[in-house]
Amino acid sequence: MAGGWARDGAEQEQIESTLEEGVEWARSQLPQGESRQRCEECDEPIPEARRKAMPGVKLCIACQAERDKTTSRASGYNRRGSKDSQLR
Protein backbone atom coordinates (compact mmCIF):
# COMPACT_ATOMS: atom_id res chain seq x y z
CA MET A 1 0.00 0.00 0.00
CA ALA A 2 1.40 3.37 -1.02
CA GLY A 3 1.25 6.17 1.48
CA GLY A 4 1.83 9.89 1.44
CA TRP A 5 2.16 11.35 -2.04
CA ALA A 6 2.86 8.07 -3.84
CA ARG A 7 0.05 6.70 -5.94
CA ASP A 8 -1.23 3.15 -5.57
CA GLY A 9 1.04 0.58 -7.21
CA ALA A 10 4.14 2.81 -7.14
CA GLU A 11 6.15 0.29 -5.13
CA GLN A 12 5.34 -2.50 -7.55
CA GLU A 13 6.32 -0.34 -10.52
CA GLN A 14 9.67 0.42 -8.86
CA ILE A 15 10.28 -3.27 -8.17
CA GLU A 16 9.44 -4.19 -11.77
CA SER A 17 11.67 -1.42 -13.12
CA THR A 18 14.59 -2.60 -10.98
CA LEU A 19 14.03 -6.16 -12.15
CA GLU A 20 13.87 -5.15 -15.82
CA GLU A 21 17.12 -3.19 -15.48
CA GLY A 22 18.81 -6.20 -13.91
CA VAL A 23 17.62 -8.51 -16.67
CA GLU A 24 18.80 -6.06 -19.35
CA TRP A 25 22.21 -5.82 -17.69
CA ALA A 26 22.52 -9.61 -17.51
CA ARG A 27 21.54 -9.98 -21.17
CA SER A 28 24.13 -7.38 -22.16
CA GLN A 29 26.82 -9.47 -20.45
CA LEU A 30 26.05 -12.62 -22.44
CA PRO A 31 28.58 -13.54 -25.10
CA GLN A 32 27.60 -12.81 -28.69
CA GLY A 33 28.90 -13.77 -32.11
CA GLU A 34 30.42 -17.02 -33.23
CA SER A 35 31.34 -19.60 -30.61
CA ARG A 36 34.83 -21.03 -30.36
CA GLN A 37 35.42 -24.70 -31.07
CA ARG A 38 37.99 -24.96 -28.27
CA CYS A 39 38.22 -23.29 -24.86
CA GLU A 40 40.36 -20.13 -24.64
CA GLU A 41 41.73 -21.18 -21.24
CA CYS A 42 42.44 -24.92 -21.42
CA ASP A 43 42.09 -25.67 -25.16
CA GLU A 44 39.57 -28.47 -24.49
CA PRO A 45 36.81 -28.88 -27.08
CA ILE A 46 33.57 -27.03 -26.31
CA PRO A 47 30.58 -29.37 -26.79
CA GLU A 48 28.30 -28.53 -29.71
CA ALA A 49 25.25 -28.36 -27.43
CA ARG A 50 26.94 -25.60 -25.38
CA ARG A 51 27.92 -23.69 -28.50
CA LYS A 52 24.32 -23.81 -29.75
CA ALA A 53 22.85 -22.86 -26.39
CA MET A 54 25.28 -19.97 -25.81
CA PRO A 55 26.22 -18.21 -29.06
CA GLY A 56 29.61 -16.57 -28.71
CA VAL A 57 30.82 -18.87 -25.94
CA LYS A 58 34.60 -18.87 -25.47
CA LEU A 59 35.10 -21.12 -22.42
CA CYS A 60 34.29 -24.73 -21.62
CA ILE A 61 31.93 -25.43 -18.74
CA ALA A 62 34.72 -26.15 -16.23
CA CYS A 63 36.65 -22.96 -17.01
CA GLN A 64 33.48 -20.87 -17.01
CA ALA A 65 32.48 -22.28 -13.62
CA GLU A 66 35.92 -21.42 -12.24
CA ARG A 67 35.71 -17.89 -13.63
CA ASP A 68 32.22 -17.46 -12.16
CA LYS A 69 33.56 -18.39 -8.71
CA THR A 70 36.24 -15.70 -8.82
CA THR A 71 34.18 -12.99 -10.50
CA SER A 72 31.29 -11.43 -8.68
CA ARG A 73 29.24 -8.36 -9.46
CA ALA A 74 28.03 -6.00 -6.77
CA SER A 75 24.45 -5.14 -7.55
CA GLY A 76 24.55 -1.51 -6.52
CA TYR A 77 21.08 -1.79 -4.99
CA ASN A 78 20.50 -1.56 -1.27
CA ARG A 79 18.29 -4.59 -0.89
CA ARG A 80 18.60 -4.56 2.91
CA GLY A 81 17.40 -1.00 3.32
CA SER A 82 14.17 -0.67 5.22
CA LYS A 83 11.72 2.18 5.57
CA ASP A 84 12.86 2.60 9.18
CA SER A 85 16.47 3.18 8.12
CA GLN A 86 15.33 5.69 5.50
CA LEU A 87 13.38 7.70 8.08
CA ARG A 88 16.38 8.29 10.36
C-alpha atoms as a PDB file:
ATOM      1  CA  MET A   1       0.000   0.000   0.000  1.00  0.00           C
ATOM      2  CA  ALA A   2       1.403   3.366  -1.018  1.00  0.00           C
ATOM      3  CA  GLY A   3       1.245   6.173   1.476  1.00  0.00           C
ATOM      4  CA  GLY A   4       1.825   9.891   1.438  1.00  0.00           C
ATOM      5  CA  TRP A   5       2.157  11.351  -2.036  1.00  0.00           C
ATOM      6  CA  ALA A   6       2.861   8.072  -3.836  1.00  0.00           C
ATOM      7  CA  ARG A   7       0.047   6.705  -5.938  1.00  0.00           C
ATOM      8  CA  ASP A   8      -1.234   3.152  -5.574  1.00  0.00           C
ATOM      9  CA  GLY A   9       1.043   0.582  -7.205  1.00  0.00           C
ATOM     10  CA  ALA A  10       4.142   2.812  -7.140  1.00  0.00           C
ATOM     11  CA  GLU A  11       6.154   0.292  -5.131  1.00  0.00           C
ATOM     12  CA  GLN A  12       5.336  -2.501  -7.548  1.00  0.00           C
ATOM     13  CA  GLU A  13       6.323  -0.337 -10.518  1.00  0.00           C
ATOM     14  CA  GLN A  14       9.666   0.424  -8.865  1.00  0.00           C
ATOM     15  CA  ILE A  15      10.282  -3.265  -8.173  1.00  0.00           C
ATOM     16  CA  GLU A  16       9.437  -4.190 -11.770  1.00  0.00           C
ATOM     17  CA  SER A  17      11.666  -1.417 -13.115  1.00  0.00           C
ATOM     18  CA  THR A  18      14.594  -2.604 -10.981  1.00  0.00           C
ATOM     19  CA  LEU A  19      14.035  -6.159 -12.146  1.00  0.00           C
ATOM     20  CA  GLU A  20      13.867  -5.146 -15.816  1.00  0.00           C
ATOM     21  CA  GLU A  21      17.119  -3.188 -15.478  1.00  0.00           C
ATOM     22  CA  GLY A  22      18.811  -6.203 -13.906  1.00  0.00           C
ATOM     23  CA  VAL A  23      17.620  -8.513 -16.671  1.00  0.00           C
ATOM     24  CA  GLU A  24      18.797  -6.058 -19.348  1.00  0.00           C
ATOM     25  CA  TRP A  25      22.210  -5.817 -17.691  1.00  0.00           C
ATOM     26  CA  ALA A  26      22.515  -9.612 -17.506  1.00  0.00           C
ATOM     27  CA  ARG A  27      21.545  -9.976 -21.168  1.00  0.00           C
ATOM     28  CA  SER A  28      24.129  -7.380 -22.163  1.00  0.00           C
ATOM     29  CA  GLN A  29      26.820  -9.469 -20.448  1.00  0.00           C
ATOM     30  CA  LEU A  30      26.046 -12.624 -22.442  1.00  0.00           C
ATOM     31  CA  PRO A  31      28.585 -13.545 -25.105  1.00  0.00           C
ATOM     32  CA  GLN A  32      27.597 -12.810 -28.695  1.00  0.00           C
ATOM     33  CA  GLY A  33      28.897 -13.767 -32.105  1.00  0.00           C
ATOM     34  CA  GLU A  34      30.421 -17.023 -33.228  1.00  0.00           C
ATOM     35  CA  SER A  35      31.345 -19.604 -30.610  1.00  0.00           C
ATOM     36  CA  ARG A  36      34.834 -21.033 -30.365  1.00  0.00           C
ATOM     37  CA  GLN A  37      35.420 -24.703 -31.066  1.00  0.00           C
ATOM     38  CA  ARG A  38      37.991 -24.959 -28.271  1.00  0.00           C
ATOM     39  CA  CYS A  39      38.220 -23.294 -24.864  1.00  0.00           C
ATOM     40  CA  GLU A  40      40.358 -20.130 -24.636  1.00  0.00           C
ATOM     41  CA  GLU A  41      41.729 -21.183 -21.238  1.00  0.00           C
ATOM     42  CA  CYS A  42      42.441 -24.922 -21.417  1.00  0.00           C
ATOM     43  CA  ASP A  43      42.088 -25.665 -25.163  1.00  0.00           C
ATOM     44  CA  GLU A  44      39.567 -28.469 -24.490  1.00  0.00           C
ATOM     45  CA  PRO A  45      36.810 -28.881 -27.078  1.00  0.00           C
ATOM     46  CA  ILE A  46      33.569 -27.033 -26.308  1.00  0.00           C
ATOM     47  CA  PRO A  47      30.576 -29.369 -26.787  1.00  0.00           C
ATOM     48  CA  GLU A  48      28.298 -28.532 -29.707  1.00  0.00           C
ATOM     49  CA  ALA A  49      25.248 -28.361 -27.430  1.00  0.00           C
ATOM     50  CA  ARG A  50      26.937 -25.604 -25.377  1.00  0.00           C
ATOM     51  CA  ARG A  51      27.921 -23.689 -28.503  1.00  0.00           C
ATOM     52  CA  LYS A  52      24.324 -23.812 -29.754  1.00  0.00           C
ATOM     53  CA  ALA A  53      22.845 -22.863 -26.392  1.00  0.00           C
ATOM     54  CA  MET A  54      25.282 -19.973 -25.811  1.00  0.00           C
ATOM     55  CA  PRO A  55      26.216 -18.210 -29.057  1.00  0.00           C
ATOM     56  CA  GLY A  56      29.614 -16.567 -28.715  1.00  0.00           C
ATOM     57  CA  VAL A  57      30.818 -18.873 -25.940  1.00  0.00           C
ATOM     58  CA  LYS A  58      34.598 -18.874 -25.465  1.00  0.00           C
ATOM     59  CA  LEU A  59      35.103 -21.118 -22.425  1.00  0.00           C
ATOM     60  CA  CYS A  60      34.291 -24.732 -21.615  1.00  0.00           C
ATOM     61  CA  ILE A  61      31.934 -25.433 -18.736  1.00  0.00           C
ATOM     62  CA  ALA A  62      34.721 -26.155 -16.227  1.00  0.00           C
ATOM     63  CA  CYS A  63      36.655 -22.962 -17.013  1.00  0.00           C
ATOM     64  CA  GLN A  64      33.479 -20.870 -17.013  1.00  0.00           C
ATOM     65  CA  ALA A  65      32.481 -22.284 -13.617  1.00  0.00           C
ATOM     66  CA  GLU A  66      35.917 -21.422 -12.237  1.00  0.00           C
ATOM     67  CA  ARG A  67      35.711 -17.890 -13.627  1.00  0.00           C
ATOM     68  CA  ASP A  68      32.219 -17.456 -12.164  1.00  0.00           C
ATOM     69  CA  LYS A  69      33.556 -18.387  -8.710  1.00  0.00           C
ATOM     70  CA  THR A  70      36.241 -15.696  -8.817  1.00  0.00           C
ATOM     71  CA  THR A  71      34.183 -12.990 -10.503  1.00  0.00           C
ATOM     72  CA  SER A  72      31.292 -11.425  -8.682  1.00  0.00           C
ATOM     73  CA  ARG A  73      29.240  -8.356  -9.456  1.00  0.00           C
ATOM     74  CA  ALA A  74      28.029  -6.001  -6.771  1.00  0.00           C
ATOM     75  CA  SER A  75      24.454  -5.142  -7.554  1.00  0.00           C
ATOM     76  CA  GLY A  76      24.549  -1.505  -6.520  1.00  0.00           C
ATOM     77  CA  TYR A  77      21.083  -1.793  -4.993  1.00  0.00           C
ATOM     78  CA  ASN A  78      20.500  -1.561  -1.269  1.00  0.00           C
ATOM     79  CA  ARG A  79      18.285  -4.586  -0.885  1.00  0.00           C
ATOM     80  CA  ARG A  80      18.597  -4.563   2.912  1.00  0.00           C
ATOM     81  CA  GLY A  81      17.396  -0.995   3.322  1.00  0.00           C
ATOM     82  CA  SER A  82      14.167  -0.667   5.223  1.00  0.00           C
ATOM     83  CA  LYS A  83      11.723   2.184   5.572  1.00  0.00           C
ATOM     84  CA  ASP A  84      12.862   2.597   9.180  1.00  0.00           C
ATOM     85  CA  SER A  85      16.470   3.184   8.121  1.00  0.00           C
ATOM     86  CA  GLN A  86      15.334   5.694   5.502  1.00  0.00           C
ATOM     87  CA  LEU A  87      13.378   7.696   8.079  1.00  0.00           C
ATOM     88  CA  ARG A  88      16.378   8.286  10.360  1.00  0.00           C
END
